[in-house]
Amino acid sequence: MTTQILVINSGSSSLKYQLVELPSGRALASGLAERIGEAVGRVSHAVGDGARHVVEQPIVDHAEALHIVLSQFAEHGPTLDVEALQGVGHRVVHGGAEFREPVLITESVLAQIEELSVLAPLHNPAHVVGIRAALQIFPGLPQVAVFDTAFFASLPPAAYTYALDAEVARDLGIRRYGFHGTSHAYVSRQVAEVLGVDLADLNQVVLHLGNGCSASAIRGGVAVETSMGMTPLEGLVMGTRSGDIDPGVVFHLARVGGLSIDEIDALLNRRSGLLGLAGDNDFRALMGARAQGDPGAALAFEVAAHRLRKYVGAYAAVLGRLDTITFTAGVGENNAAIREAALSRLECLGIELDPDANAARSSEPRVISTPDSRVTVLVVPTNEELAIAQATAELADG
């Protein structure tokens, strides 16, 4: 018997959604409501056959956005039958140390998500607004929160602890939480399926490369290290985020540059990374500029590749034995050059990339290393919406 799950990802002025059919995992429809609260909002609704429908009108709040989305289902399909809906799944960025797995949403859970806004001020407040809107519209349906941080709740203390004053860190909740966990968990399970091996037998590095980027080390299906930290700012070079940086740079920017805390926050989160180095955070534009000989784009590419290479080597050491490296997300799945550059000079780890397999384009999971490579390198498309839908269905059934 087939069922449907509505997956919702609420931003401060946006609401992304997908209707997922289970058990097939097929996306029946997807879309985005954006510019919520502005003079003119926009809802883009795509059905399974690829047809896209756009409506522009004022959207007062997330509740109204959801009502417009429902009208798009009614007008353009597929039929959103409330009777067929098994539940609503919500992506929540930060679950702190409290939420180690998906949970059914109650008022108590919602209050805790709101309290965690201090750790994710750009995300959690928006999630709360979106969840409340969905609870009003679908009052009888089970609603589930799936946390980006949950997969990394398994990190050992040595990995999640920062070398700060212990009392200060404890009082302020300062530790490594990690993000993109839904993607890392989904992809690592897919790797085991693709290779036909037991997940418990694999030591994996997963590289989630998009506008936001993160790396994870996974032993036997359990995360033991990840690159993002207390916030998504730490780690790899990203579209607009700096990734790893000497904390002393922050003091220098304040004392010598005269920047305020908010200005430094905006600089490191929104005006750094590829954008800061090359003037564009779109990796396709970066590759075009690099091909034309732009020195800023060439440097940005090399900095990003160097950081990736460093993390792969470090995580191989953490794991002790490395079986697989997997690239996922928009850049990781589609850019052969960054995959090749990230793994160059890592032959000492037993990595041997197949140039033809790496260059071939495909939307399917695939191996891109040679048969002789001691470490199997793969490209596996991520599907966070499907993972959220599956978790929601499991809890709704229970």
Protein backbone atom coordinates (compact mmCIF):
# COMPACT_ATOMS: atom_id res chain seq x y z
CA MET A 1 0.00 0.00 0.00
CA THR A 2 1.35 3.41 -0.96
CA THR A 3 1.27 6.41 1.34
CA GLN A 4 2.32 10.02 1.09
CA ILE A 5 4.47 12.22 3.29
CA LEU A 6 4.66 16.00 2.96
CA VAL A 7 8.19 17.21 3.72
CA ILE A 8 8.61 20.86 4.74
CA ASN A 9 11.77 22.93 5.17
CA SER A 10 10.94 26.40 6.52
CA GLY A 11 13.33 29.32 6.19
CA SER A 12 12.99 32.81 7.60
CA SER A 13 11.16 34.03 4.47
CA SER A 14 10.71 30.80 2.55
CA LEU A 15 9.06 27.40 2.66
CA LYS A 16 10.43 24.52 0.61
CA TYR A 17 8.29 21.40 0.23
CA GLN A 18 8.12 18.00 -1.40
CA LEU A 19 5.38 15.39 -1.56
CA VAL A 20 6.99 11.96 -1.32
CA GLU A 21 5.32 8.67 -2.17
CA LEU A 22 6.36 5.67 -0.10
CA PRO A 23 7.66 3.04 -0.35
CA SER A 24 8.77 3.98 -3.89
CA GLY A 25 10.45 7.19 -2.73
CA ARG A 26 9.12 9.02 -5.79
CA ALA A 27 8.73 12.79 -5.54
CA LEU A 28 5.17 13.48 -6.69
CA ALA A 29 5.58 17.25 -6.46
CA SER A 30 7.96 19.83 -5.05
CA GLY A 31 8.21 23.55 -4.79
CA LEU A 32 9.27 26.71 -3.04
CA ALA A 33 7.36 29.59 -1.52
CA GLU A 34 9.72 32.55 -1.13
CA ARG A 35 9.76 36.24 -0.24
CA ILE A 36 7.24 35.58 2.54
CA GLY A 37 6.37 38.85 4.28
CA GLU A 38 7.58 41.02 1.39
CA ALA A 39 5.44 43.13 -0.93
CA VAL A 40 5.26 40.38 -3.55
CA GLY A 41 5.87 36.73 -2.80
CA ARG A 42 6.42 33.86 -5.19
CA VAL A 43 5.37 30.20 -5.17
CA SER A 44 6.91 27.82 -7.69
CA HIS A 45 5.19 24.42 -7.87
CA ALA A 46 6.58 21.52 -9.92
CA VAL A 47 4.70 18.29 -10.55
CA GLY A 48 6.27 14.92 -11.20
CA ASP A 49 6.25 15.28 -14.99
CA GLY A 50 8.46 18.36 -14.76
CA ALA A 51 5.79 20.98 -15.43
CA ARG A 52 6.37 24.08 -13.28
CA HIS A 53 3.71 26.58 -12.24
CA VAL A 54 4.47 29.97 -10.73
CA VAL A 55 2.20 32.36 -8.87
CA GLU A 56 3.23 35.77 -7.59
CA GLN A 57 1.24 37.54 -4.89
CA PRO A 58 1.73 38.91 -1.39
CA ILE A 59 2.35 36.13 1.16
CA VAL A 60 1.76 37.42 4.67
CA ASP A 61 3.18 34.52 6.65
CA HIS A 62 4.04 30.81 6.51
CA ALA A 63 0.45 29.77 7.17
CA GLU A 64 -0.69 31.68 4.11
CA ALA A 65 2.22 30.21 2.14
CA LEU A 66 1.00 26.72 3.00
CA HIS A 67 -2.55 27.60 1.96
CA ILE A 68 -1.23 28.81 -1.41
CA VAL A 69 0.79 25.60 -1.76
CA LEU A 70 -2.37 23.57 -1.13
CA SER A 71 -4.19 25.58 -3.80
CA GLN A 72 -1.37 24.75 -6.23
CA PHE A 73 -1.85 21.05 -5.51
CA ALA A 74 -5.59 21.45 -6.08
CA GLU A 75 -5.17 23.35 -9.33
CA HIS A 76 -2.17 21.66 -10.93
CA GLY A 77 -1.93 18.34 -9.12
CA PRO A 78 -1.18 15.87 -7.97
CA THR A 79 -4.23 15.59 -5.79
CA LEU A 80 -3.18 16.22 -2.22
CA ASP A 81 -5.59 13.91 -0.48
CA VAL A 82 -5.45 14.57 3.24
CA GLU A 83 -6.76 11.03 3.74
CA ALA A 84 -3.72 9.65 1.88
CA LEU A 85 -1.23 11.73 3.86
CA GLN A 86 0.45 9.68 6.56
CA GLY A 87 2.27 12.59 8.14
CA VAL A 88 4.28 15.79 7.74
CA GLY A 89 8.05 15.76 8.16
CA HIS A 90 9.95 18.92 9.09
CA ARG A 91 13.66 19.55 8.63
CA VAL A 92 15.09 21.21 11.74
CA VAL A 93 18.67 22.42 11.59
CA HIS A 94 19.63 22.34 15.27
CA GLY A 95 18.59 19.74 17.81
CA GLY A 96 21.38 20.52 20.28
CA ALA A 97 22.46 17.68 22.53
CA GLU A 98 18.84 16.91 23.39
CA PHE A 99 17.58 15.39 20.15
CA ARG A 100 19.52 12.35 19.00
CA GLU A 101 16.87 11.03 16.58
CA PRO A 102 13.66 12.15 14.83
CA VAL A 103 10.74 12.84 17.18
CA LEU A 104 7.00 13.33 17.01
CA ILE A 105 6.29 17.02 17.49
CA THR A 106 4.51 18.02 20.68
CA GLU A 107 4.22 21.41 22.37
CA SER A 108 7.12 20.40 24.60
CA VAL A 109 9.29 19.46 21.61
CA LEU A 110 8.37 22.70 19.86
CA ALA A 111 9.35 24.69 22.95
CA GLN A 112 12.73 22.93 23.05
CA ILE A 113 13.34 23.67 19.34
CA GLU A 114 12.55 27.31 20.08
CA GLU A 115 14.94 27.36 23.04
CA LEU A 116 17.70 26.02 20.78
CA SER A 117 17.35 29.13 18.60
CA VAL A 118 20.27 30.58 20.54
CA LEU A 119 22.46 28.02 18.72
CA ALA A 120 20.82 28.50 15.30
CA PRO A 121 19.29 31.99 15.26
CA LEU A 122 18.87 32.05 11.48
CA HIS A 123 17.18 28.66 11.26
CA ASN A 124 15.33 27.36 14.30
CA PRO A 125 12.96 30.34 14.70
CA ALA A 126 11.86 29.87 11.09
CA HIS A 127 11.35 26.14 11.64
CA VAL A 128 9.09 26.88 14.61
CA VAL A 129 6.98 29.27 12.54
CA GLY A 130 6.64 26.71 9.72
CA ILE A 131 5.80 23.88 12.11
CA ARG A 132 3.10 25.94 13.83
CA ALA A 133 1.58 26.79 10.46
CA ALA A 134 1.52 23.09 9.46
CA LEU A 135 -0.01 22.11 12.80
CA GLN A 136 -2.85 24.57 12.17
CA ILE A 137 -3.53 23.28 8.66
CA PHE A 138 -3.06 19.55 9.38
CA PRO A 139 -4.17 19.27 13.03
CA GLY A 140 -4.91 15.55 12.87
CA LEU A 141 -1.71 14.39 11.17
CA PRO A 142 1.42 13.13 12.94
CA GLN A 143 4.18 15.71 12.46
CA VAL A 144 7.82 14.79 12.88
CA ALA A 145 10.98 16.83 13.40
CA VAL A 146 14.12 15.46 11.73
CA PHE A 147 17.28 17.17 12.97
CA ASP A 148 20.42 17.95 10.93
CA THR A 149 22.48 17.45 14.08
CA ALA A 150 21.02 14.11 15.21
CA PHE A 151 23.34 11.83 13.21
CA PHE A 152 26.34 13.44 14.89
CA ALA A 153 25.05 12.99 18.43
CA SER A 154 27.15 9.79 18.41
CA LEU A 155 30.46 11.68 18.22
CA PRO A 156 32.86 10.63 21.00
CA PRO A 157 33.77 13.29 23.60
CA ALA A 158 37.25 13.66 22.11
CA ALA A 159 35.65 14.70 18.81
CA TYR A 160 32.89 16.99 20.05
CA THR A 161 34.80 18.74 22.87
CA TYR A 162 36.52 22.07 22.26
CA ALA A 163 39.60 22.84 24.38
CA LEU A 164 37.90 25.71 26.23
CA ASP A 165 37.35 26.33 29.91
CA ALA A 166 35.12 23.37 30.73
CA GLU A 167 32.67 25.32 32.87
CA VAL A 168 32.20 28.05 30.26
CA ALA A 169 31.67 25.47 27.52
CA ARG A 170 29.17 23.53 29.62
CA ASP A 171 27.18 26.60 30.68
CA LEU A 172 26.91 27.98 27.15
CA GLY A 173 26.41 24.69 25.30
CA ILE A 174 29.67 25.06 23.35
CA ARG A 175 30.60 21.81 21.59
CA ARG A 176 30.71 20.31 18.12
CA TYR A 177 27.20 19.47 16.93
CA GLY A 178 27.72 18.92 13.19
CA PHE A 179 25.21 19.55 10.41
CA HIS A 180 23.98 17.97 7.15
CA GLY A 181 23.52 14.85 9.27
CA THR A 182 20.42 13.69 7.40
CA SER A 183 22.43 13.71 4.16
CA HIS A 184 25.49 11.98 5.66
CA ALA A 185 23.33 9.26 7.22
CA TYR A 186 21.36 8.65 4.01
CA VAL A 187 24.42 8.58 1.75
CA SER A 188 26.43 6.28 4.02
CA ARG A 189 23.58 3.76 4.02
CA GLN A 190 23.33 4.03 0.22
CA VAL A 191 27.04 3.28 -0.12
CA ALA A 192 26.57 -0.03 1.66
CA GLU A 193 23.64 -0.90 -0.63
CA VAL A 194 25.52 0.07 -3.80
CA LEU A 195 28.53 -2.06 -2.81
CA GLY A 196 26.41 -4.90 -1.45
CA VAL A 197 28.23 -4.99 1.89
CA ASP A 198 27.17 -4.72 5.51
CA LEU A 199 27.14 -1.11 6.72
CA ALA A 200 28.71 -2.29 9.98
CA ASP A 201 31.83 -3.39 8.08
CA LEU A 202 32.54 -0.05 6.37
CA ASN A 203 34.82 2.81 7.38
CA GLN A 204 33.65 5.78 5.32
CA VAL A 205 34.41 9.40 4.55
CA VAL A 206 31.44 11.29 3.11
CA LEU A 207 31.94 14.69 1.46
CA HIS A 208 28.75 16.76 1.15
CA LEU A 209 29.69 19.54 -1.26
CA GLY A 210 27.15 22.19 -2.17
CA ASN A 211 26.86 25.87 -1.27
CA GLY A 212 27.33 24.54 2.25
CA CYS A 213 30.01 21.85 2.60
CA SER A 214 30.77 19.26 5.26
CA ALA A 215 32.82 16.12 5.74
CA SER A 216 32.20 13.16 8.00
CA ALA A 217 34.07 10.09 9.20
CA ILE A 218 31.70 7.15 9.74
CA ARG A 219 32.71 3.84 11.32
CA GLY A 220 30.22 1.00 10.95
CA GLY A 221 27.35 3.39 10.25
CA VAL A 222 28.14 5.56 13.29
CA ALA A 223 29.57 9.07 12.90
CA VAL A 224 32.86 9.57 14.75
CA GLU A 225 33.95 12.96 13.34
CA THR A 226 32.56 15.81 11.26
CA SER A 227 33.84 19.13 9.97
CA MET A 228 31.05 21.54 10.93
CA GLY A 229 31.12 22.54 14.57
CA MET A 230 28.93 24.41 17.02
CA THR A 231 27.64 26.22 13.94
CA PRO A 232 27.80 25.44 10.20
CA LEU A 233 30.67 27.94 9.83
CA GLU A 234 33.53 25.60 10.74
CA GLY A 235 35.26 23.22 8.35
CA LEU A 236 35.48 23.17 4.57
CA VAL A 237 35.52 26.18 2.23
CA MET A 238 31.91 26.92 1.26
CA GLY A 239 29.98 29.18 -1.07
CA THR A 240 29.89 32.17 1.30
CA ARG A 241 31.36 30.76 4.54
CA SER A 242 35.05 30.82 5.37
CA GLY A 243 35.24 27.43 7.03
CA ASP A 244 38.25 26.92 9.34
CA ILE A 245 39.89 30.15 10.41
CA ASP A 246 42.22 31.23 13.23
CA PRO A 247 39.98 32.65 16.01
CA GLY A 248 42.60 35.40 16.33
CA VAL A 249 41.37 36.75 12.98
CA VAL A 250 38.13 37.69 14.73
CA PHE A 251 40.05 39.72 17.35
CA HIS A 252 42.10 41.37 14.60
CA LEU A 253 39.00 42.32 12.63
CA ALA A 254 37.52 43.90 15.75
CA ARG A 255 40.60 45.60 17.18
CA VAL A 256 42.37 46.69 14.01
CA GLY A 257 39.55 46.64 11.46
CA GLY A 258 37.01 48.21 13.78
CA LEU A 259 34.28 45.73 12.79
CA SER A 260 31.43 44.97 15.16
CA ILE A 261 30.47 41.42 16.15
CA ASP A 262 27.52 41.53 13.73
CA GLU A 263 29.76 42.79 10.92
CA ILE A 264 32.29 40.01 11.55
CA ASP A 265 29.45 37.46 11.61
CA ALA A 266 28.21 38.72 8.24
CA LEU A 267 31.74 38.75 6.80
CA LEU A 268 32.57 35.15 7.77
CA ASN A 269 29.14 33.68 7.00
CA ARG A 270 27.96 35.68 3.98
CA ARG A 271 30.92 37.36 2.29
CA SER A 272 33.71 34.79 2.56
CA GLY A 273 34.35 31.35 1.05
CA LEU A 274 34.25 31.21 -2.74
CA LEU A 275 32.37 34.51 -2.88
CA GLY A 276 35.04 36.28 -0.88
CA LEU A 277 37.93 34.78 -2.85
CA ALA A 278 36.50 34.86 -6.37
CA GLY A 279 33.46 37.15 -6.30
CA ASP A 280 30.92 34.38 -6.94
CA ASN A 281 29.59 31.57 -4.77
CA ASP A 282 28.14 29.59 -7.71
CA PHE A 283 30.59 26.77 -8.42
CA ARG A 284 29.61 26.67 -12.10
CA ALA A 285 30.47 30.36 -12.49
CA LEU A 286 33.71 29.74 -10.60
CA MET A 287 34.68 26.96 -13.02
CA GLY A 288 33.90 29.18 -16.01
CA ALA A 289 36.04 31.99 -14.64
CA ARG A 290 38.83 29.54 -13.82
CA ALA A 291 38.75 28.19 -17.37
CA GLN A 292 39.18 31.74 -18.65
CA GLY A 293 42.28 32.21 -16.53
CA ASP A 294 40.83 34.30 -13.71
CA PRO A 295 43.45 34.19 -10.91
CA GLY A 296 40.92 34.67 -8.11
CA ALA A 297 38.82 31.76 -9.35
CA ALA A 298 41.91 29.58 -9.75
CA LEU A 299 43.04 30.35 -6.20
CA ALA A 300 39.55 29.75 -4.77
CA PHE A 301 39.42 26.33 -6.45
CA GLU A 302 42.85 25.39 -5.09
CA VAL A 303 42.04 26.58 -1.57
CA ALA A 304 38.82 24.53 -1.57
CA ALA A 305 40.59 21.45 -2.95
CA HIS A 306 43.46 21.79 -0.46
CA ARG A 307 41.03 21.94 2.45
CA LEU A 308 39.18 18.86 1.19
CA ARG A 309 42.41 16.93 0.74
CA LYS A 310 43.50 17.81 4.26
CA TYR A 311 40.22 16.61 5.77
CA VAL A 312 40.27 13.32 3.85
CA GLY A 313 43.77 12.60 5.11
CA ALA A 314 42.87 13.53 8.67
CA TYR A 315 39.73 11.40 8.67
CA ALA A 316 41.63 8.43 7.26
CA ALA A 317 43.87 8.74 10.33
CA VAL A 318 40.86 9.02 12.67
CA LEU A 319 39.27 5.90 11.18
CA GLY A 320 42.48 3.89 11.09
CA ARG A 321 41.29 2.06 7.98
CA LEU A 322 39.55 3.77 5.08
CA ASP A 323 37.23 1.73 2.84
CA THR A 324 35.24 4.33 0.91
CA ILE A 325 35.15 8.02 0.03
CA THR A 326 31.84 9.33 -1.29
CA PHE A 327 31.00 12.64 -2.94
CA THR A 328 27.45 13.96 -2.71
CA ALA A 329 25.28 17.12 -3.02
CA GLY A 330 25.20 19.54 -5.96
CA VAL A 331 28.91 20.19 -6.42
CA GLY A 332 30.09 16.80 -5.21
CA GLU A 333 27.75 14.96 -7.57
CA ASN A 334 28.35 17.09 -10.65
CA ASN A 335 31.88 18.49 -10.64
CA ALA A 336 34.54 16.01 -11.74
CA ALA A 337 37.36 18.54 -11.42
CA ILE A 338 36.92 19.14 -7.70
CA ARG A 339 36.66 15.40 -7.07
CA GLU A 340 39.92 14.81 -8.90
CA ALA A 341 41.67 17.73 -7.22
CA ALA A 342 40.48 16.74 -3.74
CA LEU A 343 41.97 13.26 -4.10
CA SER A 344 45.17 14.21 -5.91
CA ARG A 345 48.37 13.31 -4.02
CA LEU A 346 46.43 10.86 -1.84
CA GLU A 347 47.74 7.80 -3.64
CA CYS A 348 49.55 6.96 -0.39
CA LEU A 349 46.15 6.06 1.06
CA GLY A 350 45.48 3.58 -1.72
CA ILE A 351 43.19 5.87 -3.73
CA GLU A 352 43.22 5.39 -7.49
CA LEU A 353 40.64 7.39 -9.41
CA ASP A 354 39.37 6.19 -12.80
CA PRO A 355 39.51 9.34 -14.98
CA ASP A 356 36.85 8.15 -17.43
CA ALA A 357 34.44 7.05 -14.71
CA ASN A 358 35.00 10.31 -12.85
CA ALA A 359 34.32 12.39 -15.97
CA ALA A 360 31.15 10.50 -16.95
CA ARG A 361 27.93 12.29 -15.99
CA SER A 362 25.11 10.34 -14.40
CA SER A 363 22.32 10.86 -11.89
CA GLU A 364 22.81 7.32 -10.55
CA PRO A 365 25.07 6.14 -7.71
CA ARG A 366 28.37 4.98 -9.20
CA VAL A 367 31.93 3.93 -8.44
CA ILE A 368 34.59 6.24 -9.91
CA SER A 369 37.75 4.49 -8.67
CA THR A 370 39.65 1.76 -10.48
CA PRO A 371 39.17 -1.93 -9.62
CA ASP A 372 42.70 -1.91 -8.13
CA SER A 373 42.03 1.02 -5.79
CA ARG A 374 42.25 -0.05 -2.13
CA VAL A 375 39.75 2.69 -1.29
CA THR A 376 36.51 2.66 -3.26
CA VAL A 377 35.50 6.15 -4.40
CA LEU A 378 31.85 6.77 -5.20
CA VAL A 379 29.41 9.46 -6.26
CA VAL A 380 26.04 8.98 -4.54
CA PRO A 381 23.21 11.51 -4.98
CA THR A 382 21.79 12.63 -1.67
CA ASN A 383 18.05 12.73 -0.98
CA GLU A 384 17.35 14.43 2.32
CA GLU A 385 13.65 14.75 1.56
CA LEU A 386 13.33 10.99 1.13
CA ALA A 387 15.24 10.39 4.36
CA ILE A 388 12.93 12.79 6.21
CA ALA A 389 9.87 11.14 4.65
CA GLN A 390 11.04 7.66 5.69
CA ALA A 391 11.73 8.79 9.25
CA THR A 392 8.33 10.48 9.41
CA ALA A 393 6.52 7.39 8.13
CA GLU A 394 8.30 5.19 10.65
CA LEU A 395 7.28 7.36 13.59
CA ALA A 396 3.76 7.94 12.25
CA ASP A 397 3.29 4.16 12.04
CA GLY A 398 4.49 3.71 15.58
